[in-house]
PDB file of all heavy atoms in Angstrom:
ATOM      1  N   SER A   1      69.225  32.183  33.797  1.00  0.00           N
ATOM      2  CA  SER A   1      68.976  31.772  32.417  1.00  0.00           C
ATOM      3  C   SER A   1      70.214  31.945  31.551  1.00  0.00           C
ATOM      4  O   SER A   1      70.321  31.348  30.481  1.00  0.00           O
ATOM      5  CB  SER A   1      67.817  32.588  31.827  1.00  0.00           C
ATOM      6  OG  SER A   1      68.128  33.984  31.874  1.00  0.00           O
ATOM      7  N   ASP A   2      71.164  32.796  32.007  1.00  0.00           N
ATOM      8  CA  ASP A   2      72.368  33.036  31.222  1.00  0.00           C
ATOM      9  C   ASP A   2      73.413  31.940  31.407  1.00  0.00           C
ATOM     10  O   ASP A   2      74.172  31.631  30.500  1.00  0.00           O
ATOM     11  CB  ASP A   2      72.984  34.382  31.596  1.00  0.00           C
ATOM     12  CG  ASP A   2      72.111  35.544  31.159  1.00  0.00           C
ATOM     13  OD1 ASP A   2      71.392  35.386  30.156  1.00  0.00           O
ATOM     14  OD2 ASP A   2      72.121  36.597  31.829  1.00  0.00           O
ATOM     15  N   THR A   3      73.486  31.383  32.585  1.00  0.00           N
ATOM     16  CA  THR A   3      74.479  30.352  32.854  1.00  0.00           C
ATOM     17  C   THR A   3      73.969  29.425  33.948  1.00  0.00           C
ATOM     18  O   THR A   3      73.463  29.881  34.978  1.00  0.00           O
ATOM     19  CB  THR A   3      75.824  30.983  33.271  1.00  0.00           C
ATOM     20  OG1 THR A   3      76.727  29.953  33.639  1.00  0.00           O
ATOM     21  CG2 THR A   3      75.656  31.961  34.415  1.00  0.00           C
ATOM     22  N   ALA A   4      74.095  28.144  33.722  1.00  0.00           N
ATOM     23  CA  ALA A   4      73.582  27.159  34.661  1.00  0.00           C
ATOM     24  C   ALA A   4      74.382  25.872  34.525  1.00  0.00           C
ATOM     25  O   ALA A   4      75.046  25.656  33.502  1.00  0.00           O
ATOM     26  CB  ALA A   4      72.094  26.891  34.390  1.00  0.00           C
ATOM     27  N   PRO A   5      74.377  25.018  35.537  1.00  0.00           N
ATOM     28  CA  PRO A   5      75.045  23.727  35.412  1.00  0.00           C
ATOM     29  C   PRO A   5      74.441  22.909  34.274  1.00  0.00           C
ATOM     30  O   PRO A   5      73.265  23.058  33.938  1.00  0.00           O
ATOM     31  CB  PRO A   5      74.795  23.065  36.771  1.00  0.00           C
ATOM     32  CG  PRO A   5      74.473  24.179  37.692  1.00  0.00           C
ATOM     33  CD  PRO A   5      73.778  25.210  36.872  1.00  0.00           C
ATOM     34  N   GLY A   6      75.242  22.053  33.694  1.00  0.00           N
ATOM     35  CA  GLY A   6      74.775  21.193  32.615  1.00  0.00           C
ATOM     36  C   GLY A   6      74.861  19.736  33.002  1.00  0.00           C
ATOM     37  O   GLY A   6      75.680  19.337  33.838  1.00  0.00           O
ATOM     38  N   SER A   7      74.016  18.919  32.405  1.00  0.00           N
ATOM     39  CA  SER A   7      74.048  17.481  32.649  1.00  0.00           C
ATOM     40  C   SER A   7      73.749  16.742  31.355  1.00  0.00           C
ATOM     41  O   SER A   7      73.122  17.293  30.438  1.00  0.00           O
ATOM     42  CB  SER A   7      73.040  17.078  33.732  1.00  0.00           C
ATOM     43  OG  SER A   7      71.718  17.355  33.323  1.00  0.00           O
ATOM     44  N   ALA A   8      74.203  15.516  31.291  1.00  0.00           N
ATOM     45  CA  ALA A   8      73.999  14.699  30.100  1.00  0.00           C
ATOM     46  C   ALA A   8      73.978  13.232  30.496  1.00  0.00           C
ATOM     47  O   ALA A   8      74.495  12.848  31.556  1.00  0.00           O
ATOM     48  CB  ALA A   8      75.101  14.959  29.071  1.00  0.00           C
ATOM     49  N   PHE A   9      73.390  12.421  29.644  1.00  0.00           N
ATOM     50  CA  PHE A   9      73.390  10.975  29.810  1.00  0.00           C
ATOM     51  C   PHE A   9      74.106  10.350  28.617  1.00  0.00           C
ATOM     52  O   PHE A   9      73.999  10.827  27.485  1.00  0.00           O
ATOM     53  CB  PHE A   9      71.965  10.432  29.921  1.00  0.00           C
ATOM     54  CG  PHE A   9      71.283  10.778  31.210  1.00  0.00           C
ATOM     55  CD1 PHE A   9      70.506  11.920  31.324  1.00  0.00           C
ATOM     56  CD2 PHE A   9      71.431   9.959  32.322  1.00  0.00           C
ATOM     57  CE1 PHE A   9      69.877  12.253  32.510  1.00  0.00           C
ATOM     58  CE2 PHE A   9      70.813  10.280  33.520  1.00  0.00           C
ATOM     59  CZ  PHE A   9      70.040  11.421  33.609  1.00  0.00           C
ATOM     60  N   ALA A  10      74.838   9.286  28.896  1.00  0.00           N
ATOM     61  CA  ALA A  10      75.614   8.643  27.838  1.00  0.00           C
ATOM     62  C   ALA A  10      75.695   7.145  28.085  1.00  0.00           C
ATOM     63  O   ALA A  10      75.371   6.654  29.176  1.00  0.00           O
ATOM     64  CB  ALA A  10      77.016   9.247  27.759  1.00  0.00           C
ATOM     65  N   ALA A  11      76.149   6.427  27.068  1.00  0.00           N
ATOM     66  CA  ALA A  11      76.305   4.977  27.158  1.00  0.00           C
ATOM     67  C   ALA A  11      77.629   4.565  26.521  1.00  0.00           C
ATOM     68  O   ALA A  11      78.151   5.258  25.639  1.00  0.00           O
ATOM     69  CB  ALA A  11      75.142   4.260  26.471  1.00  0.00           C
ATOM     70  N   ASP A  12      78.177   3.451  26.996  1.00  0.00           N
ATOM     71  CA  ASP A  12      79.380   2.852  26.419  1.00  0.00           C
ATOM     72  C   ASP A  12      79.037   1.477  25.862  1.00  0.00           C
ATOM     73  O   ASP A  12      78.254   0.735  26.472  1.00  0.00           O
ATOM     74  CB  ASP A  12      80.488   2.684  27.462  1.00  0.00           C
ATOM     75  CG  ASP A  12      80.931   3.994  28.077  1.00  0.00           C
ATOM     76  OD1 ASP A  12      80.469   5.054  27.616  1.00  0.00           O
ATOM     77  OD2 ASP A  12      81.736   3.942  29.028  1.00  0.00           O
ATOM     78  N   LEU A  13      79.645   1.116  24.750  1.00  0.00           N
ATOM     79  CA  LEU A  13      79.533  -0.221  24.180  1.00  0.00           C
ATOM     80  C   LEU A  13      80.940  -0.750  23.967  1.00  0.00           C
ATOM     81  O   LEU A  13      81.786  -0.062  23.378  1.00  0.00           O
ATOM     82  CB  LEU A  13      78.770  -0.189  22.846  1.00  0.00           C
ATOM     83  CG  LEU A  13      77.312   0.281  22.908  1.00  0.00           C
ATOM     84  CD1 LEU A  13      76.730   0.370  21.498  1.00  0.00           C
ATOM     85  CD2 LEU A  13      76.479  -0.656  23.771  1.00  0.00           C
ATOM     86  N   SER A  14      81.204  -1.964  24.438  1.00  0.00           N
ATOM     87  CA  SER A  14      82.568  -2.479  24.381  1.00  0.00           C
ATOM     88  C   SER A  14      82.577  -3.974  24.120  1.00  0.00           C
ATOM     89  O   SER A  14      81.584  -4.677  24.352  1.00  0.00           O
ATOM     90  CB  SER A  14      83.304  -2.175  25.696  1.00  0.00           C
ATOM     91  OG  SER A  14      82.624  -2.757  26.795  1.00  0.00           O
ATOM     92  N   CYS A  15      83.721  -4.460  23.640  1.00  0.00           N
ATOM     93  CA  CYS A  15      83.933  -5.892  23.457  1.00  0.00           C
ATOM     94  C   CYS A  15      85.401  -6.209  23.723  1.00  0.00           C
ATOM     95  O   CYS A  15      86.271  -5.334  23.629  1.00  0.00           O
ATOM     96  CB  CYS A  15      83.506  -6.348  22.059  1.00  0.00           C
ATOM     97  SG  CYS A  15      84.418  -5.575  20.702  1.00  0.00           S
ATOM     98  N   TYR A  16      85.643  -7.470  24.052  1.00  0.00           N
ATOM     99  CA  TYR A  16      87.004  -7.893  24.418  1.00  0.00           C
ATOM    100  C   TYR A  16      87.209  -9.337  23.983  1.00  0.00           C
ATOM    101  O   TYR A  16      86.326 -10.189  24.160  1.00  0.00           O
ATOM    102  CB  TYR A  16      87.208  -7.768  25.923  1.00  0.00           C
ATOM    103  CG  TYR A  16      88.558  -8.217  26.422  1.00  0.00           C
ATOM    104  CD1 TYR A  16      89.724  -7.561  26.036  1.00  0.00           C
ATOM    105  CD2 TYR A  16      88.677  -9.295  27.295  1.00  0.00           C
ATOM    106  CE1 TYR A  16      90.965  -7.972  26.504  1.00  0.00           C
ATOM    107  CE2 TYR A  16      89.912  -9.705  27.780  1.00  0.00           C
ATOM    108  CZ  TYR A  16      91.057  -9.037  27.379  1.00  0.00           C
ATOM    109  OH  TYR A  16      92.279  -9.444  27.846  1.00  0.00           O
ATOM    110  N   TYR A  17      88.372  -9.588  23.401  1.00  0.00           N
ATOM    111  CA  TYR A  17      88.728 -10.933  22.950  1.00  0.00           C
ATOM    112  C   TYR A  17      90.059 -11.318  23.577  1.00  0.00           C
ATOM    113  O   TYR A  17      91.019 -10.542  23.552  1.00  0.00           O
ATOM    114  CB  TYR A  17      88.835 -10.974  21.428  1.00  0.00           C
ATOM    115  CG  TYR A  17      89.331 -12.288  20.871  1.00  0.00           C
ATOM    116  CD1 TYR A  17      88.471 -13.378  20.706  1.00  0.00           C
ATOM    117  CD2 TYR A  17      90.666 -12.447  20.518  1.00  0.00           C
ATOM    118  CE1 TYR A  17      88.921 -14.583  20.197  1.00  0.00           C
ATOM    119  CE2 TYR A  17      91.138 -13.652  20.011  1.00  0.00           C
ATOM    120  CZ  TYR A  17      90.259 -14.714  19.849  1.00  0.00           C
ATOM    121  OH  TYR A  17      90.722 -15.923  19.359  1.00  0.00           O
ATOM    122  N   GLN A  18      90.116 -12.511  24.129  1.00  0.00           N
ATOM    123  CA  GLN A  18      91.341 -13.006  24.766  1.00  0.00           C
ATOM    124  C   GLN A  18      91.572 -14.455  24.361  1.00  0.00           C
ATOM    125  O   GLN A  18      90.656 -15.284  24.436  1.00  0.00           O
ATOM    126  CB  GLN A  18      91.227 -12.902  26.286  1.00  0.00           C
ATOM    127  CG  GLN A  18      92.497 -13.301  27.043  1.00  0.00           C
ATOM    128  CD  GLN A  18      92.294 -13.289  28.548  1.00  0.00           C
ATOM    129  OE1 GLN A  18      92.015 -14.318  29.156  1.00  0.00           O
ATOM    130  NE2 GLN A  18      92.425 -12.114  29.157  1.00  0.00           N
ATOM    131  N   ASN A  19      92.780 -14.764  23.928  1.00  0.00           N
ATOM    132  CA  ASN A  19      93.101 -16.129  23.523  1.00  0.00           C
ATOM    133  C   ASN A  19      94.594 -16.363  23.703  1.00  0.00           C
ATOM    134  O   ASN A  19      95.362 -15.428  23.935  1.00  0.00           O
ATOM    135  CB  ASN A  19      92.708 -16.353  22.055  1.00  0.00           C
ATOM    136  CG  ASN A  19      92.419 -17.817  21.763  1.00  0.00           C
ATOM    137  OD1 ASN A  19      92.716 -18.694  22.585  1.00  0.00           O
ATOM    138  ND2 ASN A  19      91.837 -18.089  20.601  1.00  0.00           N
ATOM    139  N   TYR A  20      94.979 -17.613  23.599  1.00  0.00           N
ATOM    140  CA  TYR A  20      96.381 -17.987  23.758  1.00  0.00           C
ATOM    141  C   TYR A  20      96.921 -18.505  22.439  1.00  0.00           C
ATOM    142  O   TYR A  20      96.224 -19.190  21.683  1.00  0.00           O
ATOM    143  CB  TYR A  20      96.531 -19.050  24.850  1.00  0.00           C
ATOM    144  CG  TYR A  20      96.216 -18.524  26.232  1.00  0.00           C
ATOM    145  CD1 TYR A  20      94.915 -18.565  26.724  1.00  0.00           C
ATOM    146  CD2 TYR A  20      97.211 -17.957  27.024  1.00  0.00           C
ATOM    147  CE1 TYR A  20      94.615 -18.066  27.983  1.00  0.00           C
ATOM    148  CE2 TYR A  20      96.924 -17.456  28.283  1.00  0.00           C
ATOM    149  CZ  TYR A  20      95.626 -17.512  28.755  1.00  0.00           C
ATOM    150  OH  TYR A  20      95.320 -17.012  30.001  1.00  0.00           O
ATOM    151  N   LEU A  21      98.164 -18.157  22.146  1.00  0.00           N
ATOM    152  CA  LEU A  21      98.817 -18.623  20.940  1.00  0.00           C
ATOM    153  C   LEU A  21     100.267 -18.945  21.262  1.00  0.00           C
ATOM    154  O   LEU A  21     100.864 -18.352  22.178  1.00  0.00           O
ATOM    155  CB  LEU A  21      98.727 -17.594  19.825  1.00  0.00           C
ATOM    156  CG  LEU A  21      99.469 -16.261  19.985  1.00  0.00           C
ATOM    157  CD1 LEU A  21      99.675 -15.618  18.620  1.00  0.00           C
ATOM    158  CD2 LEU A  21      98.705 -15.307  20.879  1.00  0.00           C
ATOM    159  N   ASN A  22     100.814 -19.866  20.527  1.00  0.00           N
ATOM    160  CA  ASN A  22     102.183 -20.299  20.740  1.00  0.00           C
ATOM    161  C   ASN A  22     103.135 -19.519  19.846  1.00  0.00           C
ATOM    162  O   ASN A  22     102.943 -19.445  18.628  1.00  0.00           O
ATOM    163  CB  ASN A  22     102.334 -21.803  20.451  1.00  0.00           C
ATOM    164  CG  ASN A  22     101.582 -22.649  21.465  1.00  0.00           C
ATOM    165  OD1 ASN A  22     101.568 -22.353  22.655  1.00  0.00           O
ATOM    166  ND2 ASN A  22     100.943 -23.714  20.986  1.00  0.00           N
ATOM    167  N   ILE A  23     104.117 -18.894  20.469  1.00  0.00           N
ATOM    168  CA  ILE A  23     105.188 -18.205  19.759  1.00  0.00           C
ATOM    169  C   ILE A  23     106.483 -18.897  20.167  1.00  0.00           C
ATOM    170  O   ILE A  23     106.967 -18.728  21.288  1.00  0.00           O
ATOM    171  CB  ILE A  23     105.229 -16.710  20.084  1.00  0.00           C
ATOM    172  CG1 ILE A  23     103.911 -16.037  19.698  1.00  0.00           C
ATOM    173  CG2 ILE A  23     106.396 -16.044  19.367  1.00  0.00           C
ATOM    174  CD1 ILE A  23     103.852 -14.557  20.011  1.00  0.00           C
ATOM    175  N   GLY A  24     107.018 -19.684  19.254  1.00  0.00           N
ATOM    176  CA  GLY A  24     108.145 -20.530  19.624  1.00  0.00           C
ATOM    177  C   GLY A  24     107.676 -21.576  20.621  1.00  0.00           C
ATOM    178  O   GLY A  24     106.698 -22.298  20.388  1.00  0.00           O
ATOM    179  N   GLN A  25     108.333 -21.646  21.754  1.00  0.00           N
ATOM    180  CA  GLN A  25     107.948 -22.589  22.797  1.00  0.00           C
ATOM    181  C   GLN A  25     107.181 -21.915  23.933  1.00  0.00           C
ATOM    182  O   GLN A  25     106.951 -22.522  24.967  1.00  0.00           O
ATOM    183  CB  GLN A  25     109.204 -23.276  23.357  1.00  0.00           C
ATOM    184  CG  GLN A  25     109.952 -24.114  22.330  1.00  0.00           C
ATOM    185  CD  GLN A  25     111.175 -24.792  22.927  1.00  0.00           C
ATOM    186  OE1 GLN A  25     111.637 -24.432  24.006  1.00  0.00           O
ATOM    187  NE2 GLN A  25     111.699 -25.788  22.212  1.00  0.00           N
ATOM    188  N   ARG A  26     106.746 -20.705  23.710  1.00  0.00           N
ATOM    189  CA  ARG A  26     106.044 -19.958  24.762  1.00  0.00           C
ATOM    190  C   ARG A  26     104.565 -19.820  24.417  1.00  0.00           C
ATOM    191  O   ARG A  26     104.193 -19.522  23.281  1.00  0.00           O
ATOM    192  CB  ARG A  26     106.671 -18.574  24.941  1.00  0.00           C
ATOM    193  CG  ARG A  26     108.160 -18.611  25.220  1.00  0.00           C
ATOM    194  CD  ARG A  26     108.707 -17.214  25.417  1.00  0.00           C
ATOM    195  NE  ARG A  26     110.160 -17.209  25.481  1.00  0.00           N
ATOM    196  CZ  ARG A  26     110.871 -17.495  26.562  1.00  0.00           C
ATOM    197  NH1 ARG A  26     110.233 -17.813  27.688  1.00  0.00           N
ATOM    198  NH2 ARG A  26     112.180 -17.480  26.540  1.00  0.00           N
ATOM    199  N   GLU A  27     103.728 -20.034  25.423  1.00  0.00           N
ATOM    200  CA  GLU A  27     102.295 -19.834  25.255  1.00  0.00           C
ATOM    201  C   GLU A  27     101.966 -18.399  25.665  1.00  0.00           C
ATOM    202  O   GLU A  27     101.968 -18.058  26.842  1.00  0.00           O
ATOM    203  CB  GLU A  27     101.497 -20.829  26.100  1.00  0.00           C
ATOM    204  CG  GLU A  27     100.005 -20.755  25.838  1.00  0.00           C
ATOM    205  CD  GLU A  27      99.215 -21.759  26.658  1.00  0.00           C
ATOM    206  OE1 GLU A  27      99.489 -21.866  27.882  1.00  0.00           O
ATOM    207  OE2 GLU A  27      98.328 -22.428  26.098  1.00  0.00           O
ATOM    208  N   CYS A  28     101.678 -17.574  24.687  1.00  0.00           N
ATOM    209  CA  CYS A  28     101.454 -16.146  24.915  1.00  0.00           C
ATOM    210  C   CYS A  28      99.958 -15.835  24.929  1.00  0.00           C
ATOM    211  O   CYS A  28      99.148 -16.553  24.346  1.00  0.00           O
ATOM    212  CB  CYS A  28     102.147 -15.326  23.832  1.00  0.00           C
ATOM    213  SG  CYS A  28     103.918 -15.658  23.678  1.00  0.00           S
ATOM    214  N   GLN A  29      99.617 -14.750  25.590  1.00  0.00           N
ATOM    215  CA  GLN A  29      98.215 -14.330  25.684  1.00  0.00           C
ATOM    216  C   GLN A  29      97.980 -13.114  24.806  1.00  0.00           C
ATOM    217  O   GLN A  29      98.623 -12.080  24.964  1.00  0.00           O
ATOM    218  CB  GLN A  29      97.854 -14.008  27.134  1.00  0.00           C
ATOM    219  CG  GLN A  29      96.426 -13.495  27.312  1.00  0.00           C
ATOM    220  CD  GLN A  29      96.127 -13.135  28.749  1.00  0.00           C
ATOM    221  OE1 GLN A  29      96.097 -13.994  29.628  1.00  0.00           O
ATOM    222  NE2 GLN A  29      95.914 -11.849  28.993  1.00  0.00           N
ATOM    223  N   LEU A  30      97.027 -13.245  23.883  1.00  0.00           N
ATOM    224  CA  LEU A  30      96.664 -12.154  22.983  1.00  0.00           C
ATOM    225  C   LEU A  30      95.359 -11.516  23.446  1.00  0.00           C
ATOM    226  O   LEU A  30      94.400 -12.206  23.789  1.00  0.00           O
ATOM    227  CB  LEU A  30      96.499 -12.678  21.558  1.00  0.00           C
ATOM    228  CG  LEU A  30      95.941 -11.693  20.520  1.00  0.00           C
ATOM    229  CD1 LEU A  30      96.964 -10.582  20.242  1.00  0.00           C
ATOM    230  CD2 LEU A  30      95.567 -12.415  19.233  1.00  0.00           C
ATOM    231  N   GLY A  31      95.324 -10.200  23.472  1.00  0.00           N
ATOM    232  CA  GLY A  31      94.109  -9.481  23.827  1.00  0.00           C
ATOM    233  C   GLY A  31      93.757  -8.439  22.778  1.00  0.00           C
ATOM    234  O   GLY A  31      94.643  -7.745  22.277  1.00  0.00           O
ATOM    235  N   LEU A  32      92.475  -8.356  22.431  1.00  0.00           N
ATOM    236  CA  LEU A  32      91.972  -7.336  21.514  1.00  0.00           C
ATOM    237  C   LEU A  32      90.760  -6.677  22.155  1.00  0.00           C
ATOM    238  O   LEU A  32      89.904  -7.368  22.724  1.00  0.00           O
ATOM    239  CB  LEU A  32      91.577  -7.949  20.161  1.00  0.00           C
ATOM    240  CG  LEU A  32      92.666  -8.686  19.377  1.00  0.00           C
ATOM    241  CD1 LEU A  32      92.062  -9.374  18.160  1.00  0.00           C
ATOM    242  CD2 LEU A  32      93.767  -7.716  18.949  1.00  0.00           C
ATOM    243  N   GLY A  33      90.676  -5.366  22.079  1.00  0.00           N
ATOM    244  CA  GLY A  33      89.565  -4.675  22.728  1.00  0.00           C
ATOM    245  C   GLY A  33      89.072  -3.477  21.947  1.00  0.00           C
ATOM    246  O   GLY A  33      89.833  -2.824  21.223  1.00  0.00           O
ATOM    247  N   LEU A  34      87.773  -3.195  22.095  1.00  0.00           N
ATOM    248  CA  LEU A  34      87.152  -2.038  21.471  1.00  0.00           C
ATOM    249  C   LEU A  34      86.172  -1.429  22.459  1.00  0.00           C
ATOM    250  O   LEU A  34      85.363  -2.140  23.060  1.00  0.00           O
ATOM    251  CB  LEU A  34      86.411  -2.432  20.190  1.00  0.00           C
ATOM    252  CG  LEU A  34      85.530  -1.358  19.542  1.00  0.00           C
ATOM    253  CD1 LEU A  34      86.385  -0.211  19.001  1.00  0.00           C
ATOM    254  CD2 LEU A  34      84.669  -1.950  18.426  1.00  0.00           C
ATOM    255  N   ASN A  35      86.248  -0.118  22.637  1.00  0.00           N
ATOM    256  CA  ASN A  35      85.323   0.578  23.526  1.00  0.00           C
ATOM    257  C   ASN A  35      84.890   1.890  22.882  1.00  0.00           C
ATOM    258  O   ASN A  35      85.722   2.745  22.568  1.00  0.00           O
ATOM    259  CB  ASN A  35      85.985   0.860  24.882  1.00  0.00           C
ATOM    260  CG  ASN A  35      85.008   1.478  25.875  1.00  0.00           C
ATOM    261  OD1 ASN A  35      83.798   1.275  25.776  1.00  0.00           O
ATOM    262  ND2 ASN A  35      85.520   2.235  26.832  1.00  0.00           N
TER     263      ASN A  35
END
């Protein structure tokens, strides 16, 4: 009762955005993310 293993449950929520944009003559890939 004084000391014992512990356990927990958890969840993650995430989103991700990916698109292409032109910088000069180069087509670059932009990424944005949240977790």
